[in-house]
Amino acid sequence: MSTKANFKREEIGAHNPMFTQTRAIIEAPFYGNNVIKVSTLREAYELA
């Protein structure tokens, strides 16, 4: 699966297979582990 960053307004909708419910359900777990709590600005800069 590849990812496209930007879509034209007319490309967004049910007719486009990139926006199916099944795809959203399958992809969701892959994005879940990329979040960590950052408590200070210094820590944010170090992570960047």
N, C-alpha and C. Protein backbone atom coordinates (compact mmCIF):
# COMPACT_ATOMS: atom_id res chain seq x y z
N MET A 1 0.83 -1.17 0.00
CA MET A 1 0.00 0.00 0.00
C MET A 1 0.88 1.25 0.00
N SER A 2 0.54 2.17 -0.80
CA SER A 2 1.27 3.44 -0.79
C SER A 2 0.36 4.53 -0.26
N THR A 3 0.96 5.62 0.12
CA THR A 3 0.20 6.73 0.68
C THR A 3 0.33 7.95 -0.21
N LYS A 4 -0.78 8.61 -0.43
CA LYS A 4 -0.80 9.84 -1.20
C LYS A 4 -1.10 10.97 -0.22
N ALA A 5 -0.27 12.00 -0.21
CA ALA A 5 -0.38 13.05 0.80
C ALA A 5 -1.51 14.03 0.53
N ASN A 6 -1.78 14.34 -0.71
CA ASN A 6 -2.78 15.37 -1.02
C ASN A 6 -3.77 14.87 -2.07
N PHE A 7 -5.02 15.26 -1.91
CA PHE A 7 -6.07 14.90 -2.85
C PHE A 7 -6.78 16.16 -3.31
N LYS A 8 -7.17 16.20 -4.57
CA LYS A 8 -8.01 17.29 -5.05
C LYS A 8 -9.40 17.08 -4.47
N ARG A 9 -10.15 18.16 -4.30
CA ARG A 9 -11.47 18.07 -3.69
C ARG A 9 -12.38 17.09 -4.44
N GLU A 10 -12.31 17.07 -5.76
CA GLU A 10 -13.18 16.18 -6.53
C GLU A 10 -12.77 14.71 -6.43
N GLU A 11 -11.56 14.43 -5.94
CA GLU A 11 -11.10 13.05 -5.77
C GLU A 11 -11.60 12.43 -4.46
N ILE A 12 -12.06 13.26 -3.54
CA ILE A 12 -12.49 12.77 -2.23
C ILE A 12 -13.95 12.37 -2.29
N GLY A 13 -14.23 11.13 -1.88
CA GLY A 13 -15.61 10.66 -1.85
C GLY A 13 -15.69 9.16 -1.90
N ALA A 14 -16.91 8.65 -1.89
CA ALA A 14 -17.15 7.21 -1.86
C ALA A 14 -16.69 6.52 -3.14
N HIS A 15 -16.59 7.26 -4.23
CA HIS A 15 -16.19 6.66 -5.51
C HIS A 15 -14.70 6.34 -5.56
N ASN A 16 -13.92 6.89 -4.65
CA ASN A 16 -12.47 6.67 -4.65
C ASN A 16 -12.12 5.54 -3.68
N PRO A 17 -11.48 4.46 -4.15
CA PRO A 17 -11.16 3.33 -3.27
C PRO A 17 -10.17 3.68 -2.16
N MET A 18 -9.51 4.83 -2.24
CA MET A 18 -8.58 5.23 -1.18
C MET A 18 -9.32 5.62 0.10
N PHE A 19 -10.65 5.80 0.03
CA PHE A 19 -11.42 6.26 1.18
C PHE A 19 -12.45 5.23 1.64
N THR A 20 -12.18 3.97 1.45
CA THR A 20 -13.13 2.95 1.88
C THR A 20 -13.06 2.72 3.38
N GLN A 21 -14.14 2.26 3.97
CA GLN A 21 -14.18 1.97 5.40
C GLN A 21 -13.23 0.83 5.74
N THR A 22 -13.18 -0.17 4.88
CA THR A 22 -12.31 -1.32 5.13
C THR A 22 -10.86 -0.89 5.19
N ARG A 23 -10.45 -0.06 4.27
CA ARG A 23 -9.06 0.41 4.26
C ARG A 23 -8.75 1.18 5.55
N ALA A 24 -9.67 2.02 5.99
CA ALA A 24 -9.46 2.78 7.22
C ALA A 24 -9.30 1.85 8.42
N ILE A 25 -10.11 0.80 8.48
CA ILE A 25 -10.03 -0.16 9.59
C ILE A 25 -8.70 -0.90 9.57
N ILE A 26 -8.24 -1.28 8.39
CA ILE A 26 -6.98 -2.02 8.26
C ILE A 26 -5.78 -1.13 8.59
N GLU A 27 -5.79 0.11 8.16
CA GLU A 27 -4.65 1.00 8.37
C GLU A 27 -4.56 1.57 9.78
N ALA A 28 -5.66 1.72 10.47
CA ALA A 28 -5.68 2.38 11.78
C ALA A 28 -4.68 1.82 12.78
N PRO A 29 -4.54 0.50 12.94
CA PRO A 29 -3.58 -0.01 13.93
C PRO A 29 -2.12 0.36 13.62
N PHE A 30 -1.80 0.58 12.37
CA PHE A 30 -0.42 0.91 12.02
C PHE A 30 -0.01 2.31 12.49
N TYR A 31 -0.97 3.18 12.73
CA TYR A 31 -0.66 4.54 13.16
C TYR A 31 -0.74 4.69 14.68
N GLY A 32 -1.22 3.69 15.38
CA GLY A 32 -1.44 3.78 16.80
C GLY A 32 -0.20 3.83 17.67
N ASN A 33 0.92 3.25 17.24
CA ASN A 33 2.10 3.16 18.08
C ASN A 33 3.07 4.32 17.90
N ASN A 34 2.70 5.33 17.17
CA ASN A 34 3.62 6.42 16.88
C ASN A 34 3.43 7.63 17.80
N VAL A 35 2.71 7.46 18.88
CA VAL A 35 2.40 8.58 19.76
C VAL A 35 3.08 8.36 21.10
N ILE A 36 3.81 9.39 21.56
CA ILE A 36 4.39 9.35 22.90
C ILE A 36 4.08 10.67 23.59
N LYS A 37 4.01 10.65 24.91
CA LYS A 37 3.72 11.86 25.66
C LYS A 37 4.99 12.70 25.80
N VAL A 38 4.88 13.96 25.48
CA VAL A 38 5.98 14.91 25.61
C VAL A 38 5.57 15.93 26.66
N SER A 39 6.36 16.02 27.74
CA SER A 39 5.95 16.89 28.84
C SER A 39 6.68 18.23 28.87
N THR A 40 7.78 18.36 28.16
CA THR A 40 8.50 19.63 28.16
C THR A 40 8.87 20.05 26.74
N LEU A 41 9.09 21.32 26.56
CA LEU A 41 9.50 21.83 25.26
C LEU A 41 10.88 21.30 24.89
N ARG A 42 11.75 21.17 25.87
CA ARG A 42 13.09 20.63 25.63
C ARG A 42 13.02 19.21 25.07
N GLU A 43 12.17 18.40 25.65
CA GLU A 43 11.99 17.02 25.19
C GLU A 43 11.46 16.99 23.75
N ALA A 44 10.57 17.90 23.42
CA ALA A 44 10.02 17.98 22.08
C ALA A 44 11.12 18.29 21.07
N TYR A 45 11.99 19.25 21.43
CA TYR A 45 13.09 19.60 20.52
C TYR A 45 14.07 18.44 20.37
N GLU A 46 14.33 17.72 21.43
CA GLU A 46 15.24 16.57 21.35
C GLU A 46 14.67 15.48 20.45
N LEU A 47 13.37 15.26 20.52
CA LEU A 47 12.73 14.24 19.70
C LEU A 47 12.67 14.65 18.22
N ALA A 48 12.61 15.96 17.99
CA ALA A 48 12.55 16.46 16.61
C ALA A 48 13.91 16.29 15.97
